[in-house]
mmCIF file of all heavy atoms, coordinates in Angstrom:
data_MODEL
# 
_entry.id   MODEL 
# 
loop_
_atom_site.group_PDB 
_atom_site.id 
_atom_site.type_symbol 
_atom_site.label_atom_id 
_atom_site.label_alt_id 
_atom_site.label_comp_id 
_atom_site.label_asym_id 
_atom_site.label_entity_id 
_atom_site.label_seq_id 
_atom_site.pdbx_PDB_ins_code 
_atom_site.Cartn_x 
_atom_site.Cartn_y 
_atom_site.Cartn_z 
_atom_site.occupancy 
_atom_site.B_iso_or_equiv 
_atom_site.pdbx_formal_charge 
_atom_site.auth_seq_id 
_atom_site.auth_comp_id 
_atom_site.auth_asym_id 
_atom_site.auth_atom_id 
_atom_site.pdbx_PDB_model_num 
ATOM 1   N N   . ALA A 1 1  ? 0.925  -1.202  0.045  1.00 0.00 ? 1  ALA A N   1 
ATOM 2   C CA  . ALA A 1 1  ? -0.004 0.001   0.032  1.00 0.00 ? 1  ALA A CA  1 
ATOM 3   C C   . ALA A 1 1  ? 0.867  1.235   0.009  1.00 0.00 ? 1  ALA A C   1 
ATOM 4   O O   . ALA A 1 1  ? 1.873  1.243   0.709  1.00 0.00 ? 1  ALA A O   1 
ATOM 5   C CB  . ALA A 1 1  ? -0.903 0.021   1.249  1.00 0.00 ? 1  ALA A CB  1 
ATOM 6   N N   . LEU A 1 2  ? 0.639  2.210   -0.891 1.00 0.00 ? 2  LEU A N   1 
ATOM 7   C CA  . LEU A 1 2  ? 1.435  3.388   -0.984 1.00 0.00 ? 2  LEU A CA  1 
ATOM 8   C C   . LEU A 1 2  ? 0.551  4.630   -0.677 1.00 0.00 ? 2  LEU A C   1 
ATOM 9   O O   . LEU A 1 2  ? -0.549 4.738   -1.022 1.00 0.00 ? 2  LEU A O   1 
ATOM 10  C CB  . LEU A 1 2  ? 1.903  3.579   -2.436 1.00 0.00 ? 2  LEU A CB  1 
ATOM 11  C CG  . LEU A 1 2  ? 2.583  2.353   -3.025 1.00 0.00 ? 2  LEU A CG  1 
ATOM 12  C CD1 . LEU A 1 2  ? 2.906  2.551   -4.535 1.00 0.00 ? 2  LEU A CD1 1 
ATOM 13  C CD2 . LEU A 1 2  ? 3.826  1.937   -2.248 1.00 0.00 ? 2  LEU A CD2 1 
ATOM 14  N N   . ARG A 1 3  ? 1.261  5.536   0.133  1.00 0.00 ? 3  ARG A N   1 
ATOM 15  C CA  . ARG A 1 3  ? 0.600  6.794   0.496  1.00 0.00 ? 3  ARG A CA  1 
ATOM 16  C C   . ARG A 1 3  ? 1.631  7.886   0.459  1.00 0.00 ? 3  ARG A C   1 
ATOM 17  O O   . ARG A 1 3  ? 2.932  7.611   0.526  1.00 0.00 ? 3  ARG A O   1 
ATOM 18  C CB  . ARG A 1 3  ? 0.077  6.681   2.019  1.00 0.00 ? 3  ARG A CB  1 
ATOM 19  C CG  . ARG A 1 3  ? -1.040 5.632   2.178  1.00 0.00 ? 3  ARG A CG  1 
ATOM 20  C CD  . ARG A 1 3  ? -1.460 5.576   3.631  1.00 0.00 ? 3  ARG A CD  1 
ATOM 21  N NE  . ARG A 1 3  ? -2.479 4.615   3.798  1.00 0.00 ? 3  ARG A NE  1 
ATOM 22  C CZ  . ARG A 1 3  ? -2.155 3.273   4.070  1.00 0.00 ? 3  ARG A CZ  1 
ATOM 23  N NH1 . ARG A 1 3  ? -0.990 2.835   4.033  1.00 0.00 ? 3  ARG A NH1 1 
ATOM 24  N NH2 . ARG A 1 3  ? -3.146 2.418   4.271  1.00 0.00 ? 3  ARG A NH2 1 
ATOM 25  N N   . PRO A 1 4  ? 1.241  9.153   0.301  1.00 0.00 ? 4  PRO A N   1 
ATOM 26  C CA  . PRO A 1 4  ? 2.215  10.193  0.353  1.00 0.00 ? 4  PRO A CA  1 
ATOM 27  C C   . PRO A 1 4  ? 2.795  10.316  1.764  1.00 0.00 ? 4  PRO A C   1 
ATOM 28  O O   . PRO A 1 4  ? 2.073  10.100  2.791  1.00 0.00 ? 4  PRO A O   1 
ATOM 29  C CB  . PRO A 1 4  ? 1.372  11.534  -0.021 1.00 0.00 ? 4  PRO A CB  1 
ATOM 30  C CG  . PRO A 1 4  ? 0.118  10.960  -0.612 1.00 0.00 ? 4  PRO A CG  1 
ATOM 31  C CD  . PRO A 1 4  ? -0.178 9.658   0.024  1.00 0.00 ? 4  PRO A CD  1 
ATOM 32  N N   . ALA A 1 5  ? 4.040  10.744  1.902  1.00 0.00 ? 5  ALA A N   1 
ATOM 33  C CA  . ALA A 1 5  ? 4.668  10.932  3.115  1.00 0.00 ? 5  ALA A CA  1 
ATOM 34  C C   . ALA A 1 5  ? 5.585  12.175  2.979  1.00 0.00 ? 5  ALA A C   1 
ATOM 35  O O   . ALA A 1 5  ? 6.765  12.040  2.687  1.00 0.00 ? 5  ALA A O   1 
ATOM 36  C CB  . ALA A 1 5  ? 5.448  9.673   3.591  1.00 0.00 ? 5  ALA A CB  1 
ATOM 37  N N   . GLY A 1 6  ? 5.099  13.343  3.362  1.00 0.00 ? 6  GLY A N   1 
ATOM 38  C CA  . GLY A 1 6  ? 5.839  14.561  3.135  1.00 0.00 ? 6  GLY A CA  1 
ATOM 39  C C   . GLY A 1 6  ? 6.299  14.729  1.600  1.00 0.00 ? 6  GLY A C   1 
ATOM 40  O O   . GLY A 1 6  ? 5.410  14.755  0.758  1.00 0.00 ? 6  GLY A O   1 
ATOM 41  N N   . SER A 1 7  ? 7.524  14.796  1.420  1.00 0.00 ? 7  SER A N   1 
ATOM 42  C CA  . SER A 1 7  ? 8.101  14.832  0.062  1.00 0.00 ? 7  SER A CA  1 
ATOM 43  C C   . SER A 1 7  ? 8.366  13.471  -0.606 1.00 0.00 ? 7  SER A C   1 
ATOM 44  O O   . SER A 1 7  ? 9.151  13.432  -1.545 1.00 0.00 ? 7  SER A O   1 
ATOM 45  C CB  . SER A 1 7  ? 9.333  15.788  -0.079 1.00 0.00 ? 7  SER A CB  1 
ATOM 46  O OG  . SER A 1 7  ? 10.266 15.223  0.878  1.00 0.00 ? 7  SER A OG  1 
ATOM 47  N N   . GLY A 1 8  ? 7.957  12.363  0.043  1.00 0.00 ? 8  GLY A N   1 
ATOM 48  C CA  . GLY A 1 8  ? 8.258  11.059  -0.408 1.00 0.00 ? 8  GLY A CA  1 
ATOM 49  C C   . GLY A 1 8  ? 7.063  10.140  -0.536 1.00 0.00 ? 8  GLY A C   1 
ATOM 50  O O   . GLY A 1 8  ? 5.914  10.616  -0.509 1.00 0.00 ? 8  GLY A O   1 
ATOM 51  N N   . VAL A 1 9  ? 7.342  8.805   -0.556 1.00 0.00 ? 9  VAL A N   1 
ATOM 52  C CA  . VAL A 1 9  ? 6.291  7.814   -0.705 1.00 0.00 ? 9  VAL A CA  1 
ATOM 53  C C   . VAL A 1 9  ? 6.470  6.841   0.438  1.00 0.00 ? 9  VAL A C   1 
ATOM 54  O O   . VAL A 1 9  ? 7.604  6.370   0.712  1.00 0.00 ? 9  VAL A O   1 
ATOM 55  C CB  . VAL A 1 9  ? 6.440  7.103   -2.061 1.00 0.00 ? 9  VAL A CB  1 
ATOM 56  C CG1 . VAL A 1 9  ? 5.330  5.957   -2.137 1.00 0.00 ? 9  VAL A CG1 1 
ATOM 57  C CG2 . VAL A 1 9  ? 6.401  8.048   -3.214 1.00 0.00 ? 9  VAL A CG2 1 
ATOM 58  N N   . ARG A 1 10 ? 5.404  6.573   1.225  1.00 0.00 ? 10 ARG A N   1 
ATOM 59  C CA  . ARG A 1 10 ? 5.460  5.607   2.246  1.00 0.00 ? 10 ARG A CA  1 
ATOM 60  C C   . ARG A 1 10 ? 4.931  4.291   1.699  1.00 0.00 ? 10 ARG A C   1 
ATOM 61  O O   . ARG A 1 10 ? 3.901  4.281   1.183  1.00 0.00 ? 10 ARG A O   1 
ATOM 62  C CB  . ARG A 1 10 ? 4.685  6.063   3.429  1.00 0.00 ? 10 ARG A CB  1 
ATOM 63  C CG  . ARG A 1 10 ? 4.644  5.061   4.594  1.00 0.00 ? 10 ARG A CG  1 
ATOM 64  C CD  . ARG A 1 10 ? 3.951  5.616   5.842  1.00 0.00 ? 10 ARG A CD  1 
ATOM 65  N NE  . ARG A 1 10 ? 3.934  4.635   6.946  1.00 0.00 ? 10 ARG A NE  1 
ATOM 66  C CZ  . ARG A 1 10 ? 4.950  4.410   7.705  1.00 0.00 ? 10 ARG A CZ  1 
ATOM 67  N NH1 . ARG A 1 10 ? 6.107  5.109   7.588  1.00 0.00 ? 10 ARG A NH1 1 
ATOM 68  N NH2 . ARG A 1 10 ? 4.837  3.575   8.717  1.00 0.00 ? 10 ARG A NH2 1 
ATOM 69  N N   . VAL A 1 11 ? 5.727  3.255   1.975  1.00 0.00 ? 11 VAL A N   1 
ATOM 70  C CA  . VAL A 1 11 ? 5.414  1.894   1.481  1.00 0.00 ? 11 VAL A CA  1 
ATOM 71  C C   . VAL A 1 11 ? 5.048  1.018   2.740  1.00 0.00 ? 11 VAL A C   1 
ATOM 72  O O   . VAL A 1 11 ? 5.841  0.929   3.727  1.00 0.00 ? 11 VAL A O   1 
ATOM 73  C CB  . VAL A 1 11 ? 6.467  1.263   0.712  1.00 0.00 ? 11 VAL A CB  1 
ATOM 74  C CG1 . VAL A 1 11 ? 6.200  -0.134  0.143  1.00 0.00 ? 11 VAL A CG1 1 
ATOM 75  C CG2 . VAL A 1 11 ? 6.998  2.217   -0.316 1.00 0.00 ? 11 VAL A CG2 1 
ATOM 76  N N   . GLU A 1 12 ? 3.888  0.361   2.672  1.00 0.00 ? 12 GLU A N   1 
ATOM 77  C CA  . GLU A 1 12 ? 3.567  -0.608  3.742  1.00 0.00 ? 12 GLU A CA  1 
ATOM 78  C C   . GLU A 1 12 ? 3.226  -1.918  3.151  1.00 0.00 ? 12 GLU A C   1 
ATOM 79  O O   . GLU A 1 12 ? 2.529  -1.986  2.171  1.00 0.00 ? 12 GLU A O   1 
ATOM 80  C CB  . GLU A 1 12 ? 2.291  -0.162  4.483  1.00 0.00 ? 12 GLU A CB  1 
ATOM 81  C CG  . GLU A 1 12 ? 2.464  1.155   5.252  1.00 0.00 ? 12 GLU A CG  1 
ATOM 82  C CD  . GLU A 1 12 ? 1.271  1.615   5.954  1.00 0.00 ? 12 GLU A CD  1 
ATOM 83  O OE1 . GLU A 1 12 ? 0.363  0.742   6.076  1.00 0.00 ? 12 GLU A OE1 1 
ATOM 84  O OE2 . GLU A 1 12 ? 1.349  2.669   6.570  1.00 0.00 ? 12 GLU A OE2 1 
ATOM 85  N N   . VAL A 1 13 ? 3.838  -2.935  3.545  1.00 0.00 ? 13 VAL A N   1 
ATOM 86  C CA  . VAL A 1 13 ? 3.629  -4.327  3.059  1.00 0.00 ? 13 VAL A CA  1 
ATOM 87  C C   . VAL A 1 13 ? 2.378  -4.850  3.726  1.00 0.00 ? 13 VAL A C   1 
ATOM 88  O O   . VAL A 1 13 ? 2.086  -4.835  4.866  1.00 0.00 ? 13 VAL A O   1 
ATOM 89  C CB  . VAL A 1 13 ? 4.833  -5.207  3.483  1.00 0.00 ? 13 VAL A CB  1 
ATOM 90  C CG1 . VAL A 1 13 ? 4.542  -6.698  3.039  1.00 0.00 ? 13 VAL A CG1 1 
ATOM 91  C CG2 . VAL A 1 13 ? 6.134  -4.790  2.929  1.00 0.00 ? 13 VAL A CG2 1 
ATOM 92  N N   . VAL A 1 14 ? 1.431  -5.265  2.695  1.00 0.00 ? 14 VAL A N   1 
ATOM 93  C CA  . VAL A 1 14 ? 0.105  -5.808  3.164  1.00 0.00 ? 14 VAL A CA  1 
ATOM 94  C C   . VAL A 1 14 ? -0.020 -7.239  2.850  1.00 0.00 ? 14 VAL A C   1 
ATOM 95  O O   . VAL A 1 14 ? -0.920 -7.836  3.380  1.00 0.00 ? 14 VAL A O   1 
ATOM 96  C CB  . VAL A 1 14 ? -1.034 -4.964  2.555  1.00 0.00 ? 14 VAL A CB  1 
ATOM 97  C CG1 . VAL A 1 14 ? -1.116 -3.538  3.006  1.00 0.00 ? 14 VAL A CG1 1 
ATOM 98  C CG2 . VAL A 1 14 ? -0.940 -5.007  0.919  1.00 0.00 ? 14 VAL A CG2 1 
ATOM 99  N N   . ALA A 1 15 ? 0.933  -7.768  2.010  1.00 0.00 ? 15 ALA A N   1 
ATOM 100 C CA  . ALA A 1 15 ? 0.863  -9.268  1.821  1.00 0.00 ? 15 ALA A CA  1 
ATOM 101 C C   . ALA A 1 15 ? 2.170  -9.624  1.140  1.00 0.00 ? 15 ALA A C   1 
ATOM 102 O O   . ALA A 1 15 ? 2.706  -8.831  0.400  1.00 0.00 ? 15 ALA A O   1 
ATOM 103 C CB  . ALA A 1 15 ? -0.299 -9.660  0.864  1.00 0.00 ? 15 ALA A CB  1 
ATOM 104 N N   . PRO A 1 16 ? 2.759  -10.774 1.528  1.00 0.00 ? 16 PRO A N   1 
ATOM 105 C CA  . PRO A 1 16 ? 2.243  -11.714 2.569  1.00 0.00 ? 16 PRO A CA  1 
ATOM 106 C C   . PRO A 1 16 ? 2.659  -11.189 3.985  1.00 0.00 ? 16 PRO A C   1 
ATOM 107 O O   . PRO A 1 16 ? 3.557  -10.328 3.998  1.00 0.00 ? 16 PRO A O   1 
ATOM 108 C CB  . PRO A 1 16 ? 2.877  -13.080 2.147  1.00 0.00 ? 16 PRO A CB  1 
ATOM 109 C CG  . PRO A 1 16 ? 4.193  -12.557 1.557  1.00 0.00 ? 16 PRO A CG  1 
ATOM 110 C CD  . PRO A 1 16 ? 3.898  -11.320 0.785  1.00 0.00 ? 16 PRO A CD  1 
ATOM 111 N N   . LEU A 1 17 ? 1.930  -11.690 4.992  1.00 0.00 ? 17 LEU A N   1 
ATOM 112 C CA  . LEU A 1 17 ? 2.396  -11.337 6.346  1.00 0.00 ? 17 LEU A CA  1 
ATOM 113 C C   . LEU A 1 17 ? 3.548  -12.225 6.746  1.00 0.00 ? 17 LEU A C   1 
ATOM 114 O O   . LEU A 1 17 ? 3.738  -13.281 6.224  1.00 0.00 ? 17 LEU A O   1 
ATOM 115 C CB  . LEU A 1 17 ? 1.113  -11.545 7.196  1.00 0.00 ? 17 LEU A CB  1 
ATOM 116 C CG  . LEU A 1 17 ? -0.086 -10.641 6.893  1.00 0.00 ? 17 LEU A CG  1 
ATOM 117 C CD1 . LEU A 1 17 ? -1.242 -11.070 7.774  1.00 0.00 ? 17 LEU A CD1 1 
ATOM 118 C CD2 . LEU A 1 17 ? 0.196  -9.197  6.983  1.00 0.00 ? 17 LEU A CD2 1 
ATOM 119 N N   . GLY A 1 18 ? 4.182  -11.776 7.763  1.00 0.00 ? 18 GLY A N   1 
ATOM 120 C CA  . GLY A 1 18 ? 5.252  -12.542 8.354  1.00 0.00 ? 18 GLY A CA  1 
ATOM 121 C C   . GLY A 1 18 ? 6.531  -12.539 7.474  1.00 0.00 ? 18 GLY A C   1 
ATOM 122 O O   . GLY A 1 18 ? 6.912  -13.638 7.023  1.00 0.00 ? 18 GLY A O   1 
ATOM 123 N N   . LEU A 1 19 ? 7.081  -11.543 7.198  1.00 0.00 ? 19 LEU A N   1 
ATOM 124 C CA  . LEU A 1 19 ? 8.325  -11.453 6.298  1.00 0.00 ? 19 LEU A CA  1 
ATOM 125 C C   . LEU A 1 19 ? 9.606  -11.582 7.066  1.00 0.00 ? 19 LEU A C   1 
ATOM 126 O O   . LEU A 1 19 ? 10.702 -11.364 6.457  1.00 0.00 ? 19 LEU A O   1 
ATOM 127 C CB  . LEU A 1 19 ? 8.245  -10.069 5.560  1.00 0.00 ? 19 LEU A CB  1 
ATOM 128 C CG  . LEU A 1 19 ? 7.117  -9.955  4.520  1.00 0.00 ? 19 LEU A CG  1 
ATOM 129 C CD1 . LEU A 1 19 ? 7.194  -8.500  3.954  1.00 0.00 ? 19 LEU A CD1 1 
ATOM 130 C CD2 . LEU A 1 19 ? 7.259  -10.963 3.423  1.00 0.00 ? 19 LEU A CD2 1 
ATOM 131 N N   . GLY A 1 20 ? 9.472  -12.018 8.318  1.00 0.00 ? 20 GLY A N   1 
ATOM 132 C CA  . GLY A 1 20 ? 10.687 -12.179 9.069  1.00 0.00 ? 20 GLY A CA  1 
ATOM 133 C C   . GLY A 1 20 ? 11.456 -10.896 9.372  1.00 0.00 ? 20 GLY A C   1 
ATOM 134 O O   . GLY A 1 20 ? 10.842 -9.983  9.954  1.00 0.00 ? 20 GLY A O   1 
ATOM 135 N N   . THR A 1 21 ? 12.751 -10.728 8.832  1.00 0.00 ? 21 THR A N   1 
ATOM 136 C CA  . THR A 1 21 ? 13.449 -9.445  9.098  1.00 0.00 ? 21 THR A CA  1 
ATOM 137 C C   . THR A 1 21 ? 13.205 -8.483  8.103  1.00 0.00 ? 21 THR A C   1 
ATOM 138 O O   . THR A 1 21 ? 13.793 -7.317  8.249  1.00 0.00 ? 21 THR A O   1 
ATOM 139 C CB  . THR A 1 21 ? 15.023 -9.860  9.066  1.00 0.00 ? 21 THR A CB  1 
ATOM 140 O OG1 . THR A 1 21 ? 15.307 -10.417 7.775  1.00 0.00 ? 21 THR A OG1 1 
ATOM 141 C CG2 . THR A 1 21 ? 15.341 -10.936 10.155 1.00 0.00 ? 21 THR A CG2 1 
ATOM 142 N N   . ALA A 1 22 ? 12.364 -8.656  7.063  1.00 0.00 ? 22 ALA A N   1 
ATOM 143 C CA  . ALA A 1 22 ? 12.154 -7.547  6.142  1.00 0.00 ? 22 ALA A CA  1 
ATOM 144 C C   . ALA A 1 22 ? 11.350 -6.475  6.794  1.00 0.00 ? 22 ALA A C   1 
ATOM 145 O O   . ALA A 1 22 ? 10.517 -6.767  7.678  1.00 0.00 ? 22 ALA A O   1 
ATOM 146 C CB  . ALA A 1 22 ? 11.324 -8.127  4.926  1.00 0.00 ? 22 ALA A CB  1 
ATOM 147 N N   . PRO A 1 23 ? 11.507 -5.221  6.364  1.00 0.00 ? 23 PRO A N   1 
ATOM 148 C CA  . PRO A 1 23 ? 10.837 -4.072  7.066  1.00 0.00 ? 23 PRO A CA  1 
ATOM 149 C C   . PRO A 1 23 ? 9.322  -4.065  6.669  1.00 0.00 ? 23 PRO A C   1 
ATOM 150 O O   . PRO A 1 23 ? 8.951  -4.423  5.619  1.00 0.00 ? 23 PRO A O   1 
ATOM 151 C CB  . PRO A 1 23 ? 11.517 -2.824  6.419  1.00 0.00 ? 23 PRO A CB  1 
ATOM 152 C CG  . PRO A 1 23 ? 12.054 -3.338  5.165  1.00 0.00 ? 23 PRO A CG  1 
ATOM 153 C CD  . PRO A 1 23 ? 12.508 -4.751  5.376  1.00 0.00 ? 23 PRO A CD  1 
ATOM 154 N N   . ALA A 1 24 ? 8.463  -3.822  7.656  1.00 0.00 ? 24 ALA A N   1 
ATOM 155 C CA  . ALA A 1 24 ? 7.131  -3.710  7.404  1.00 0.00 ? 24 ALA A CA  1 
ATOM 156 C C   . ALA A 1 24 ? 6.686  -2.557  6.479  1.00 0.00 ? 24 ALA A C   1 
ATOM 157 O O   . ALA A 1 24 ? 5.610  -2.482  5.885  1.00 0.00 ? 24 ALA A O   1 
ATOM 158 C CB  . ALA A 1 24 ? 6.271  -3.803  8.661  1.00 0.00 ? 24 ALA A CB  1 
ATOM 159 N N   . SER A 1 25 ? 7.526  -1.526  6.648  1.00 0.00 ? 25 SER A N   1 
ATOM 160 C CA  . SER A 1 25 ? 7.252  -0.316  5.891  1.00 0.00 ? 25 SER A CA  1 
ATOM 161 C C   . SER A 1 25 ? 8.558  0.459   5.651  1.00 0.00 ? 25 SER A C   1 
ATOM 162 O O   . SER A 1 25 ? 9.498  0.240   6.322  1.00 0.00 ? 25 SER A O   1 
ATOM 163 C CB  . SER A 1 25 ? 6.213  0.599   6.566  1.00 0.00 ? 25 SER A CB  1 
ATOM 164 O OG  . SER A 1 25 ? 6.787  1.126   7.811  1.00 0.00 ? 25 SER A OG  1 
# 
């Protein structure tokens, strides 16, 4: 899922869940 974040783009992982050490956003 992508949303504006100031002068950038915020990324949130919505699938799959449980990525271990990968960042959730």
